[in-house]
Amino acid sequence: MKESTSSSDFLKRTAFAALWTGIVLGMAVAWKWGWDAGAGFVLALVWGLGNFAVLAAILTVATHPSRVRVGRLVGLVALKLIGLYGVAAWVLLYQWVSLPAFVAGFSWTLAVTVLRALGSLTVKTKLNRQPKGKDRVS
């Protein structure tokens, strides 16, 4: 049976899958369109994974059953807004990498997450169907 899409293990496995498939895809992008495009894709991939990790930490802290630790929550939000978005704006402002490759690399983590979640839901739906024929309970 597939893992739950709400577990932290799902998020770790998704990040791992996005990282390795993204590195391979980044090499293919570099081969086809040049090293600036490949570097932009991989840089944005790493940025997207960092964003993914900080967002998961924010959600974990904000929804923890015990009391919410406001100081840690504010620190994580500041890291996300100032650190991650500041770095992305700096890279894009000076155009060190290809913009389309950067956008594609940034989107890769989201694409892998959506595909893994849809795959998990599809398997769960197939497993939960009622058996057909004489084994079916009326």
Foldseek 3Di string as FASTA:
>chain_A
DDDDLPDVVVLVVLLVVLLVVQLVVLVVCCVPPNNLLSVLLNVLLVLLSVLSVLVVVLVCQVPPPDDRDVVVNVVSVCCNPCVSVVVVCVCVVVVSGDPVSNVNSNCSSVVSSVVVNVVRVVVVVVVPDADDDPVGDD
